[in-house]
């Protein structure tokens, strides 16, 4: 009996330590459903193609964050204000657990990105659907798909660009494809592919970058770490032995 009491006290102590150590609440996503990349880009106010060429450290209170220096090769869609050939995308790292773009911030990788303009003239990812990226690798197939999509065919040169034309051919962009297809051919077509209708109802609440504890609506928000499992196991042994 004495052993059982001692074991119970230790189990409760370990469980208390586990709860105290896990102060961060798991990220919670409600009404989530996946979307196509062209759907997410279609609702973004600005869509450009280019690459990150550098990073700038930015100290915001106690958290060290980084901005990205982004080289714009071509403006696919704008907000009726010229987009410069070199822009700054703020706070690309760290992102909180709701962000789906945080894994797609590789330097020198050509991507098609959806962004929004900030009041200070810089930019931020236009993330409307949690967990999904607004930076898509510019593969040949995806660039071709975008160039054939309604609403994403008004390609123009960014302000201050030294290039002579935009859109450009696949090899000029560094995107490997058959027969060096030029995107201009797609943009001159009288027809374009309509974007499937969709709505975004999802909402994500998260105040930290750890996505390991993320839960969806209707799912329990328990974290099954080894310490909690150990406590439950000890308690089970106690009750069985009684």
C-alpha atoms as a PDB file:
ATOM      1  CA  UNK A   1       0.000   0.000   0.000  1.00  0.00           C
ATOM      2  CA  UNK A   2       2.872   2.345   0.882  1.00  0.00           C
ATOM      3  CA  UNK A   3       4.506   1.633  -2.478  1.00  0.00           C
ATOM      4  CA  UNK A   4       1.257   2.452  -4.268  1.00  0.00           C
ATOM      5  CA  UNK A   5       0.988   5.797  -2.487  1.00  0.00           C
ATOM      6  CA  UNK A   6       4.597   6.682  -3.295  1.00  0.00           C
ATOM      7  CA  UNK A   7       4.112   5.725  -6.937  1.00  0.00           C
ATOM      8  CA  UNK A   8       0.931   7.815  -7.109  1.00  0.00           C
ATOM      9  CA  UNK A   9       2.704  10.868  -5.669  1.00  0.00           C
ATOM     10  CA  UNK A  10       5.568  10.524  -8.173  1.00  0.00           C
ATOM     11  CA  UNK A  11       3.105  10.099 -11.046  1.00  0.00           C
ATOM     12  CA  UNK A  12       1.208  13.239 -10.122  1.00  0.00           C
ATOM     13  CA  UNK A  13       4.475  15.136  -9.742  1.00  0.00           C
ATOM     14  CA  UNK A  14       5.676  14.055 -13.180  1.00  0.00           C
ATOM     15  CA  UNK A  15       2.321  14.923 -14.724  1.00  0.00           C
ATOM     16  CA  UNK A  16       2.444  18.360 -13.103  1.00  0.00           C
ATOM     17  CA  UNK A  17       5.907  18.974 -14.499  1.00  0.00           C
ATOM     18  CA  UNK A  18       4.708  17.928 -17.943  1.00  0.00           C
ATOM     19  CA  UNK A  19       1.801  20.366 -17.888  1.00  0.00           C
ATOM     20  CA  UNK A  20       3.964  23.196 -16.540  1.00  0.00           C
ATOM     21  CA  UNK A  21       6.590  22.583 -19.240  1.00  0.00           C
ATOM     22  CA  UNK A  22       4.000  22.711 -22.009  1.00  0.00           C
ATOM     23  CA  UNK A  23       2.880  26.328 -21.667  1.00  0.00           C
ATOM     24  CA  UNK A  24       2.363  26.877 -25.398  1.00  0.00           C
ATOM     25  CA  UNK A  25      -1.101  26.058 -26.584  1.00  0.00           C
ATOM     26  CA  UNK A  26      -1.269  24.057 -29.822  1.00  0.00           C
ATOM     27  CA  UNK A  27      -2.099  25.931 -32.993  1.00  0.00           C
ATOM     28  CA  UNK A  28      -5.755  25.465 -33.893  1.00  0.00           C
ATOM     29  CA  UNK A  29      -7.146  25.441 -37.438  1.00  0.00           C
ATOM     30  CA  UNK A  30     -10.876  25.491 -38.168  1.00  0.00           C
ATOM     31  CA  UNK A  31     -12.814  24.903 -41.405  1.00  0.00           C
ATOM     32  CA  UNK A  32      -9.609  24.093 -43.304  1.00  0.00           C
ATOM     33  CA  UNK A  33      -9.544  22.699 -46.812  1.00  0.00           C
ATOM     34  CA  UNK A  34      -6.748  22.597 -49.413  1.00  0.00           C
ATOM     35  CA  UNK A  35      -6.637  24.890 -52.452  1.00  0.00           C
ATOM     36  CA  UNK A  36      -4.771  24.907 -55.746  1.00  0.00           C
ATOM     37  CA  UNK A  37      -1.710  27.133 -56.094  1.00  0.00           C
ATOM     38  CA  UNK A  38      -3.318  29.095 -58.951  1.00  0.00           C
ATOM     39  CA  UNK A  39      -6.381  29.659 -56.776  1.00  0.00           C
ATOM     40  CA  UNK A  40      -4.289  31.185 -54.000  1.00  0.00           C
ATOM     41  CA  UNK A  41      -2.362  33.341 -56.487  1.00  0.00           C
ATOM     42  CA  UNK A  42      -5.592  34.506 -58.134  1.00  0.00           C
ATOM     43  CA  UNK A  43      -6.756  36.248 -54.942  1.00  0.00           C
ATOM     44  CA  UNK A  44      -3.356  37.747 -54.169  1.00  0.00           C
ATOM     45  CA  UNK A  45      -3.177  41.477 -54.976  1.00  0.00           C
ATOM     46  CA  UNK A  46       0.365  41.115 -56.346  1.00  0.00           C
ATOM     47  CA  UNK A  47       1.969  38.118 -58.069  1.00  0.00           C
ATOM     48  CA  UNK A  48       5.574  38.214 -59.242  1.00  0.00           C
ATOM     49  CA  UNK A  49       8.200  35.794 -60.425  1.00  0.00           C
ATOM     50  CA  UNK A  50      11.764  36.048 -59.177  1.00  0.00           C
ATOM     51  CA  UNK A  51      14.098  34.913 -56.415  1.00  0.00           C
ATOM     52  CA  UNK A  52      15.486  35.794 -52.998  1.00  0.00           C
ATOM     53  CA  UNK A  53      19.049  37.111 -53.323  1.00  0.00           C
ATOM     54  CA  UNK A  54      19.777  38.082 -49.728  1.00  0.00           C
ATOM     55  CA  UNK A  55      18.546  38.455 -46.159  1.00  0.00           C
ATOM     56  CA  UNK A  56      18.467  41.312 -43.666  1.00  0.00           C
ATOM     57  CA  UNK A  57      18.416  40.688 -39.927  1.00  0.00           C
ATOM     58  CA  UNK A  58      15.771  42.685 -38.101  1.00  0.00           C
ATOM     59  CA  UNK A  59      15.485  42.923 -34.319  1.00  0.00           C
ATOM     60  CA  UNK A  60      11.851  43.156 -33.290  1.00  0.00           C
ATOM     61  CA  UNK A  61      11.609  43.304 -29.479  1.00  0.00           C
ATOM     62  CA  UNK A  62      13.155  40.113 -28.117  1.00  0.00           C
ATOM     63  CA  UNK A  63      12.748  38.082 -31.308  1.00  0.00           C
ATOM     64  CA  UNK A  64      15.370  38.197 -34.055  1.00  0.00           C
ATOM     65  CA  UNK A  65      13.674  38.057 -37.439  1.00  0.00           C
ATOM     66  CA  UNK A  66      14.797  38.262 -41.056  1.00  0.00           C
ATOM     67  CA  UNK A  67      13.555  40.096 -44.124  1.00  0.00           C
ATOM     68  CA  UNK A  68      14.199  38.874 -47.673  1.00  0.00           C
ATOM     69  CA  UNK A  69      15.684  40.860 -50.538  1.00  0.00           C
ATOM     70  CA  UNK A  70      13.717  39.715 -53.572  1.00  0.00           C
ATOM     71  CA  UNK A  71      14.673  40.228 -57.229  1.00  0.00           C
ATOM     72  CA  UNK A  72      11.567  40.567 -59.407  1.00  0.00           C
ATOM     73  CA  UNK A  73      11.990  39.224 -62.935  1.00  0.00           C
ATOM     74  CA  UNK A  74       8.426  39.712 -64.073  1.00  0.00           C
ATOM     75  CA  UNK A  75       5.189  41.104 -62.638  1.00  0.00           C
ATOM     76  CA  UNK A  76       2.315  38.738 -63.337  1.00  0.00           C
ATOM     77  CA  UNK A  77      -0.336  40.720 -61.460  1.00  0.00           C
ATOM     78  CA  UNK A  78      -0.228  44.023 -59.586  1.00  0.00           C
ATOM     79  CA  UNK A  79      -2.323  46.297 -57.373  1.00  0.00           C
ATOM     80  CA  UNK A  80      -2.295  49.163 -59.897  1.00  0.00           C
ATOM     81  CA  UNK A  81       0.934  50.481 -58.383  1.00  0.00           C
ATOM     82  CA  UNK A  82       4.293  49.774 -60.082  1.00  0.00           C
ATOM     83  CA  UNK A  83       6.395  47.018 -58.526  1.00  0.00           C
ATOM     84  CA  UNK A  84      10.141  47.654 -58.464  1.00  0.00           C
ATOM     85  CA  UNK A  85      12.700  45.164 -59.725  1.00  0.00           C
ATOM     86  CA  UNK A  86      14.109  44.811 -56.197  1.00  0.00           C
ATOM     87  CA  UNK A  87      11.746  44.619 -53.234  1.00  0.00           C
ATOM     88  CA  UNK A  88      11.866  43.689 -49.563  1.00  0.00           C
ATOM     89  CA  UNK A  89       9.559  40.992 -48.167  1.00  0.00           C
ATOM     90  CA  UNK A  90       9.258  41.454 -44.423  1.00  0.00           C
ATOM     91  CA  UNK A  91       9.468  38.877 -41.644  1.00  0.00           C
ATOM     92  CA  UNK A  92      10.057  35.766 -43.712  1.00  0.00           C
ATOM     93  CA  UNK A  93      11.604  34.124 -40.655  1.00  0.00           C
ATOM     94  CA  UNK A  94      10.449  33.119 -38.152  1.00  0.00           C
ATOM     95  CA  UNK A  95       6.835  32.553 -39.159  1.00  0.00           C
ATOM     96  CA  UNK A  96       4.237  31.222 -36.756  1.00  0.00           C
ATOM     97  CA  UNK A  97       2.784  27.740 -36.988  1.00  0.00           C
ATOM     98  CA  UNK A  98      -0.104  28.893 -39.200  1.00  0.00           C
ATOM     99  CA  UNK A  99       2.205  29.872 -42.061  1.00  0.00           C
ATOM    100  CA  UNK A 100       2.670  27.545 -44.999  1.00  0.00           C
ATOM    101  CA  UNK A 101       5.269  29.737 -46.723  1.00  0.00           C
ATOM    102  CA  UNK A 102       8.009  29.431 -44.149  1.00  0.00           C
ATOM    103  CA  UNK A 103       9.568  26.339 -45.741  1.00  0.00           C
ATOM    104  CA  UNK A 104       9.777  27.962 -49.181  1.00  0.00           C
ATOM    105  CA  UNK A 105      12.312  30.720 -48.647  1.00  0.00           C
ATOM    106  CA  UNK A 106      15.393  29.262 -50.322  1.00  0.00           C
ATOM    107  CA  UNK A 107      17.925  31.728 -51.684  1.00  0.00           C
ATOM    108  CA  UNK A 108      18.400  31.920 -55.481  1.00  0.00           C
ATOM    109  CA  UNK A 109      15.440  29.593 -56.171  1.00  0.00           C
ATOM    110  CA  UNK A 110      13.156  31.046 -58.832  1.00  0.00           C
ATOM    111  CA  UNK A 111       9.589  31.126 -57.545  1.00  0.00           C
ATOM    112  CA  UNK A 112       6.189  32.594 -58.280  1.00  0.00           C
ATOM    113  CA  UNK A 113       5.004  34.375 -55.150  1.00  0.00           C
ATOM    114  CA  UNK A 114       1.811  36.025 -53.953  1.00  0.00           C
ATOM    115  CA  UNK A 115       2.436  39.138 -51.855  1.00  0.00           C
ATOM    116  CA  UNK A 116       0.689  42.219 -50.521  1.00  0.00           C
ATOM    117  CA  UNK A 117       1.968  45.776 -50.209  1.00  0.00           C
ATOM    118  CA  UNK A 118       2.527  47.222 -46.739  1.00  0.00           C
ATOM    119  CA  UNK A 119       2.019  50.862 -45.781  1.00  0.00           C
ATOM    120  CA  UNK A 120       5.790  51.406 -45.546  1.00  0.00           C
ATOM    121  CA  UNK A 121       6.276  50.311 -49.168  1.00  0.00           C
ATOM    122  CA  UNK A 122       7.634  46.872 -48.349  1.00  0.00           C
ATOM    123  CA  UNK A 123       5.782  43.597 -48.863  1.00  0.00           C
ATOM    124  CA  UNK A 124       4.539  40.560 -46.973  1.00  0.00           C
ATOM    125  CA  UNK A 125       3.295  37.099 -47.978  1.00  0.00           C
ATOM    126  CA  UNK A 126      -0.405  37.204 -48.843  1.00  0.00           C
ATOM    127  CA  UNK A 127      -1.383  34.170 -46.780  1.00  0.00           C
ATOM    128  CA  UNK A 128      -5.158  33.665 -46.775  1.00  0.00           C
ATOM    129  CA  UNK A 129      -5.344  29.899 -46.312  1.00  0.00           C
ATOM    130  CA  UNK A 130      -3.402  28.584 -43.303  1.00  0.00           C
ATOM    131  CA  UNK A 131      -0.674  25.984 -43.837  1.00  0.00           C
ATOM    132  CA  UNK A 132      -0.452  26.620 -47.594  1.00  0.00           C
ATOM    133  CA  UNK A 133       2.443  28.364 -49.293  1.00  0.00           C
ATOM    134  CA  UNK A 134       2.345  31.625 -51.232  1.00  0.00           C
ATOM    135  CA  UNK A 135       5.722  30.823 -52.785  1.00  0.00           C
ATOM    136  CA  UNK A 136       5.667  28.151 -55.482  1.00  0.00           C
ATOM    137  CA  UNK A 137       8.756  26.781 -57.209  1.00  0.00           C
ATOM    138  CA  UNK A 138       8.768  28.025 -60.821  1.00  0.00           C
ATOM    139  CA  UNK A 139       8.942  24.691 -62.583  1.00  0.00           C
ATOM    140  CA  UNK A 140       8.357  24.650 -66.309  1.00  0.00           C
ATOM    141  CA  UNK A 141       4.931  23.044 -65.918  1.00  0.00           C
ATOM    142  CA  UNK A 142       3.760  25.510 -63.273  1.00  0.00           C
ATOM    143  CA  UNK A 143       4.986  28.595 -65.134  1.00  0.00           C
ATOM    144  CA  UNK A 144       3.150  27.306 -68.202  1.00  0.00           C
ATOM    145  CA  UNK A 145      -0.011  26.715 -66.157  1.00  0.00           C
ATOM    146  CA  UNK A 146       0.093  30.245 -64.754  1.00  0.00           C
ATOM    147  CA  UNK A 147       0.607  31.755 -68.215  1.00  0.00           C
ATOM    148  CA  UNK A 148      -2.540  29.961 -69.403  1.00  0.00           C
ATOM    149  CA  UNK A 149      -4.723  30.944 -66.422  1.00  0.00           C
ATOM    150  CA  UNK A 150      -7.340  33.683 -66.629  1.00  0.00           C
ATOM    151  CA  UNK A 151      -6.443  36.697 -64.490  1.00  0.00           C
ATOM    152  CA  UNK A 152      -2.742  35.813 -64.419  1.00  0.00           C
ATOM    153  CA  UNK A 153      -1.790  36.788 -67.971  1.00  0.00           C
ATOM    154  CA  UNK A 154      -0.944  40.492 -67.671  1.00  0.00           C
ATOM    155  CA  UNK A 155       2.834  40.026 -67.450  1.00  0.00           C
ATOM    156  CA  UNK A 156       4.883  43.251 -67.348  1.00  0.00           C
ATOM    157  CA  UNK A 157       8.416  44.337 -66.526  1.00  0.00           C
ATOM    158  CA  UNK A 158       9.074  45.575 -62.986  1.00  0.00           C
ATOM    159  CA  UNK A 159      10.034  49.191 -62.473  1.00  0.00           C
ATOM    160  CA  UNK A 160      13.791  49.699 -62.905  1.00  0.00           C
ATOM    161  CA  UNK A 161      14.396  46.441 -64.766  1.00  0.00           C
ATOM    162  CA  UNK A 162      17.222  46.244 -67.291  1.00  0.00           C
ATOM    163  CA  UNK A 163      15.456  43.529 -69.295  1.00  0.00           C
ATOM    164  CA  UNK A 164      14.002  44.425 -72.660  1.00  0.00           C
ATOM    165  CA  UNK A 165      10.797  42.422 -72.503  1.00  0.00           C
ATOM    166  CA  UNK A 166       8.518  40.403 -70.294  1.00  0.00           C
ATOM    167  CA  UNK A 167       7.254  37.730 -70.471  1.00  0.00           C
ATOM    168  CA  UNK A 168      10.342  35.769 -71.389  1.00  0.00           C
ATOM    169  CA  UNK A 169      11.116  32.323 -72.704  1.00  0.00           C
ATOM    170  CA  UNK A 170      11.571  29.365 -70.396  1.00  0.00           C
ATOM    171  CA  UNK A 171      15.351  29.161 -70.759  1.00  0.00           C
ATOM    172  CA  UNK A 172      15.771  32.899 -70.152  1.00  0.00           C
ATOM    173  CA  UNK A 173      14.019  32.380 -66.861  1.00  0.00           C
ATOM    174  CA  UNK A 174      16.155  29.402 -65.971  1.00  0.00           C
ATOM    175  CA  UNK A 175      13.143  27.105 -66.148  1.00  0.00           C
ATOM    176  CA  UNK A 176      13.949  24.006 -68.176  1.00  0.00           C
ATOM    177  CA  UNK A 177      11.296  22.971 -70.662  1.00  0.00           C
ATOM    178  CA  UNK A 178      10.954  21.414 -74.104  1.00  0.00           C
ATOM    179  CA  UNK A 179      11.703  23.496 -77.201  1.00  0.00           C
ATOM    180  CA  UNK A 180      12.395  26.681 -75.225  1.00  0.00           C
ATOM    181  CA  UNK A 181       8.713  27.572 -75.126  1.00  0.00           C
ATOM    182  CA  UNK A 182       7.984  31.270 -74.737  1.00  0.00           C
ATOM    183  CA  UNK A 183       5.271  32.262 -72.300  1.00  0.00           C
ATOM    184  CA  UNK A 184       4.301  35.039 -74.710  1.00  0.00           C
ATOM    185  CA  UNK A 185       2.732  32.389 -76.943  1.00  0.00           C
ATOM    186  CA  UNK A 186       0.302  31.467 -74.167  1.00  0.00           C
ATOM    187  CA  UNK A 187      -0.513  35.059 -73.313  1.00  0.00           C
ATOM    188  CA  UNK A 188      -1.513  35.805 -76.899  1.00  0.00           C
ATOM    189  CA  UNK A 189      -4.148  33.064 -76.874  1.00  0.00           C
ATOM    190  CA  UNK A 190      -7.715  34.308 -77.020  1.00  0.00           C
ATOM    191  CA  UNK A 191      -8.787  31.697 -74.500  1.00  0.00           C
ATOM    192  CA  UNK A 192      -7.540  30.991 -70.997  1.00  0.00           C
ATOM    193  CA  UNK A 193      -8.180  28.413 -68.302  1.00  0.00           C
ATOM    194  CA  UNK A 194     -10.811  29.454 -65.778  1.00  0.00           C
ATOM    195  CA  UNK A 195      -9.907  29.043 -62.123  1.00  0.00           C
ATOM    196  CA  UNK A 196     -12.183  26.563 -60.299  1.00  0.00           C
ATOM    197  CA  UNK A 197     -14.539  28.331 -57.906  1.00  0.00           C
ATOM    198  CA  UNK A 198     -13.513  28.198 -54.275  1.00  0.00           C
ATOM    199  CA  UNK A 199     -13.999  29.895 -50.933  1.00  0.00           C
ATOM    200  CA  UNK A 200     -11.686  30.124 -47.976  1.00  0.00           C
ATOM    201  CA  UNK A 201     -13.400  29.834 -44.610  1.00  0.00           C
ATOM    202  CA  UNK A 202     -10.459  28.537 -42.598  1.00  0.00           C
ATOM    203  CA  UNK A 203      -8.995  30.313 -39.605  1.00  0.00           C
ATOM    204  CA  UNK A 204      -5.811  29.587 -37.698  1.00  0.00           C
ATOM    205  CA  UNK A 205      -4.852  30.801 -34.226  1.00  0.00           C
ATOM    206  CA  UNK A 206      -1.239  30.411 -33.169  1.00  0.00           C
ATOM    207  CA  UNK A 207       1.237  32.559 -31.265  1.00  0.00           C
ATOM    208  CA  UNK A 208       4.400  30.521 -31.766  1.00  0.00           C
ATOM    209  CA  UNK A 209       6.406  28.858 -34.528  1.00  0.00           C
ATOM    210  CA  UNK A 210       6.124  25.248 -33.333  1.00  0.00           C
ATOM    211  CA  UNK A 211       3.746  23.357 -35.618  1.00  0.00           C
ATOM    212  CA  UNK A 212       4.152  19.942 -33.931  1.00  0.00           C
ATOM    213  CA  UNK A 213       1.136  20.524 -31.706  1.00  0.00           C
ATOM    214  CA  UNK A 214      -1.230  21.808 -34.375  1.00  0.00           C
ATOM    215  CA  UNK A 215      -4.798  20.490 -34.177  1.00  0.00           C
ATOM    216  CA  UNK A 216      -7.795  20.778 -36.465  1.00  0.00           C
ATOM    217  CA  UNK A 217     -11.345  21.506 -35.339  1.00  0.00           C
ATOM    218  CA  UNK A 218     -12.917  18.424 -33.776  1.00  0.00           C
ATOM    219  CA  UNK A 219      -9.600  16.852 -32.850  1.00  0.00           C
ATOM    220  CA  UNK A 220      -8.295  16.718 -29.269  1.00  0.00           C
ATOM    221  CA  UNK A 221      -5.492  19.101 -28.453  1.00  0.00           C
ATOM    222  CA  UNK A 222      -3.419  16.684 -26.361  1.00  0.00           C
ATOM    223  CA  UNK A 223       0.301  16.393 -26.866  1.00  0.00           C
ATOM    224  CA  UNK A 224       1.423  12.800 -26.517  1.00  0.00           C
ATOM    225  CA  UNK A 225       4.929  13.380 -25.209  1.00  0.00           C
ATOM    226  CA  UNK A 226       6.853  10.631 -23.483  1.00  0.00           C
ATOM    227  CA  UNK A 227       6.506  12.124 -20.002  1.00  0.00           C
ATOM    228  CA  UNK A 228       2.709  12.171 -20.144  1.00  0.00           C
ATOM    229  CA  UNK A 229       2.629   8.626 -21.439  1.00  0.00           C
ATOM    230  CA  UNK A 230       4.906   7.534 -18.584  1.00  0.00           C
ATOM    231  CA  UNK A 231       2.579   9.109 -16.006  1.00  0.00           C
ATOM    232  CA  UNK A 232      -0.470   7.406 -17.446  1.00  0.00           C
ATOM    233  CA  UNK A 233       1.335   4.064 -17.544  1.00  0.00           C
ATOM    234  CA  UNK A 234       2.349   4.325 -13.870  1.00  0.00           C
ATOM    235  CA  UNK A 235      -1.173   5.252 -12.820  1.00  0.00           C
ATOM    236  CA  UNK A 236      -2.565   2.295 -14.756  1.00  0.00           C
ATOM    237  CA  UNK A 237      -0.165  -0.094 -13.014  1.00  0.00           C
ATOM    238  CA  UNK A 238      -1.204   1.273  -9.616  1.00  0.00           C
ATOM    239  CA  UNK A 239      -4.909   0.734 -10.206  1.00  0.00           C
ATOM    240  CA  UNK A 240      -4.358  -2.736 -11.628  1.00  0.00           C
ATOM    241  CA  UNK A 241      -2.324  -3.775  -8.614  1.00  0.00           C
ATOM    242  CA  UNK A 242      -5.032  -2.727  -6.141  1.00  0.00           C
END
